[in-house]
C-alpha atoms as a PDB file:
ATOM      1  CA  MET A   1     -35.169  30.867 -32.535  1.00  0.00           C
ATOM      2  CA  ILE A   2     -37.004  30.741 -29.145  1.00  0.00           C
ATOM      3  CA  MET A   3     -36.464  27.549 -26.556  1.00  0.00           C
ATOM      4  CA  GLY A   4     -39.742  26.083 -25.347  1.00  0.00           C
ATOM      5  CA  ALA A   5     -40.777  24.718 -21.832  1.00  0.00           C
ATOM      6  CA  HIS A   6     -40.879  21.311 -20.621  1.00  0.00           C
ATOM      7  CA  ARG A   7     -44.197  20.467 -21.742  1.00  0.00           C
ATOM      8  CA  THR A   8     -45.820  19.149 -24.302  1.00  0.00           C
ATOM      9  CA  THR A   9     -45.131  19.963 -28.059  1.00  0.00           C
ATOM     10  CA  ALA A  10     -48.906  21.367 -28.428  1.00  0.00           C
ATOM     11  CA  GLU A  11     -48.456  23.613 -25.945  1.00  0.00           C
ATOM     12  CA  ASN A  12     -45.082  25.723 -26.566  1.00  0.00           C
ATOM     13  CA  PRO A  13     -46.719  26.647 -29.786  1.00  0.00           C
ATOM     14  CA  ALA A  14     -50.424  27.676 -28.153  1.00  0.00           C
ATOM     15  CA  ASP A  15     -48.194  30.224 -26.021  1.00  0.00           C
ATOM     16  CA  LEU A  16     -46.298  31.723 -28.460  1.00  0.00           C
ATOM     17  CA  GLN A  17     -48.728  32.284 -31.495  1.00  0.00           C
ATOM     18  CA  GLY A  18     -52.396  34.419 -31.399  1.00  0.00           C
ATOM     19  CA  PRO A  19     -52.324  37.744 -31.101  1.00  0.00           C
ATOM     20  CA  GLY A  20     -49.136  40.056 -29.958  1.00  0.00           C
ATOM     21  CA  ARG A  21     -46.959  37.531 -30.695  1.00  0.00           C
ATOM     22  CA  PHE A  22     -45.636  35.525 -33.159  1.00  0.00           C
ATOM     23  CA  THR A  23     -47.910  34.531 -37.070  1.00  0.00           C
ATOM     24  CA  GLN A  24     -45.819  31.290 -37.295  1.00  0.00           C
ATOM     25  CA  VAL A  25     -44.259  29.161 -34.894  1.00  0.00           C
ATOM     26  CA  GLU A  26     -42.548  26.229 -36.275  1.00  0.00           C
ATOM     27  CA  LEU A  27     -40.563  23.085 -34.136  1.00  0.00           C
ATOM     28  CA  ALA A  28     -37.164  23.205 -35.363  1.00  0.00           C
ATOM     29  CA  ALA A  29     -35.360  20.644 -33.313  1.00  0.00           C
ATOM     30  CA  THR A  30     -35.601  18.587 -29.121  1.00  0.00           C
ATOM     31  CA  THR A  31     -32.755  19.394 -27.069  1.00  0.00           C
ATOM     32  CA  ASN A  32     -30.611  15.110 -27.041  1.00  0.00           C
ATOM     33  CA  LEU A  33     -27.547  15.991 -25.148  1.00  0.00           C
ATOM     34  CA  PRO A  34     -26.263  12.689 -22.869  1.00  0.00           C
ATOM     35  CA  TYR A  35     -24.489  14.522 -20.559  1.00  0.00           C
ATOM     36  CA  ALA A  36     -26.662  17.485 -20.045  1.00  0.00           C
ATOM     37  CA  MET A  37     -28.876  17.345 -16.667  1.00  0.00           C
ATOM     38  CA  PRO A  38     -32.240  15.883 -16.743  1.00  0.00           C
ATOM     39  CA  ASP A  39     -33.826  19.034 -16.477  1.00  0.00           C
ATOM     40  CA  GLU A  40     -31.793  21.019 -19.298  1.00  0.00           C
ATOM     41  CA  ASN A  41     -32.574  18.263 -21.230  1.00  0.00           C
ATOM     42  CA  ASN A  42     -35.563  17.086 -24.032  1.00  0.00           C
ATOM     43  CA  ARG A  43     -36.057  21.381 -24.698  1.00  0.00           C
ATOM     44  CA  GLN A  44     -37.272  22.465 -27.610  1.00  0.00           C
ATOM     45  CA  LEU A  45     -36.560  25.076 -30.433  1.00  0.00           C
ATOM     46  CA  PHE A  46     -38.785  27.187 -32.462  1.00  0.00           C
ATOM     47  CA  ILE A  47     -38.207  29.086 -35.613  1.00  0.00           C
ATOM     48  CA  CYS A  48     -40.799  31.491 -34.350  1.00  0.00           C
ATOM     49  CA  ARG A  49     -41.604  34.142 -37.968  1.00  0.00           C
ATOM     50  CA  SER A  50     -43.691  37.258 -38.317  1.00  0.00           C
ATOM     51  CA  PRO A  51     -43.596  38.961 -34.632  1.00  0.00           C
ATOM     52  CA  GLN A  52     -46.660  41.321 -33.933  1.00  0.00           C
ATOM     53  CA  PHE A  53     -44.091  43.481 -31.497  1.00  0.00           C
ATOM     54  CA  THR A  54     -40.866  45.614 -31.831  1.00  0.00           C
ATOM     55  CA  PHE A  55     -38.085  44.393 -29.761  1.00  0.00           C
ATOM     56  CA  ALA A  56     -38.016  48.350 -28.435  1.00  0.00           C
ATOM     57  CA  GLN A  57     -41.975  46.492 -26.796  1.00  0.00           C
ATOM     58  CA  ILE A  58     -40.046  43.898 -25.446  1.00  0.00           C
ATOM     59  CA  ARG A  59     -37.052  45.851 -23.872  1.00  0.00           C
ATOM     60  CA  ALA A  60     -39.800  47.845 -22.325  1.00  0.00           C
ATOM     61  CA  VAL A  61     -41.235  45.050 -20.031  1.00  0.00           C
ATOM     62  CA  GLU A  62     -38.282  42.880 -20.176  1.00  0.00           C
ATOM     63  CA  LYS A  63     -34.563  44.054 -18.960  1.00  0.00           C
ATOM     64  CA  GLU A  64     -33.112  41.268 -17.856  1.00  0.00           C
ATOM     65  CA  PHE A  65     -31.677  39.270 -20.787  1.00  0.00           C
ATOM     66  CA  ILE A  66     -29.617  35.023 -20.500  1.00  0.00           C
END
């Protein structure tokens, strides 16, 4: 599952699909929390299937995880 940025529903999947990314991206939910900060609300959550990379490849580039 991947959390998208504050952009349109069309822009986030376009970033996640394509060569070297995921084959299938599906919008699963959008956050709607009454007590969240405004910039933390309305986030899109995606189910991403069939990665075209290994997690070892990610680890080599991304050293910090939240």
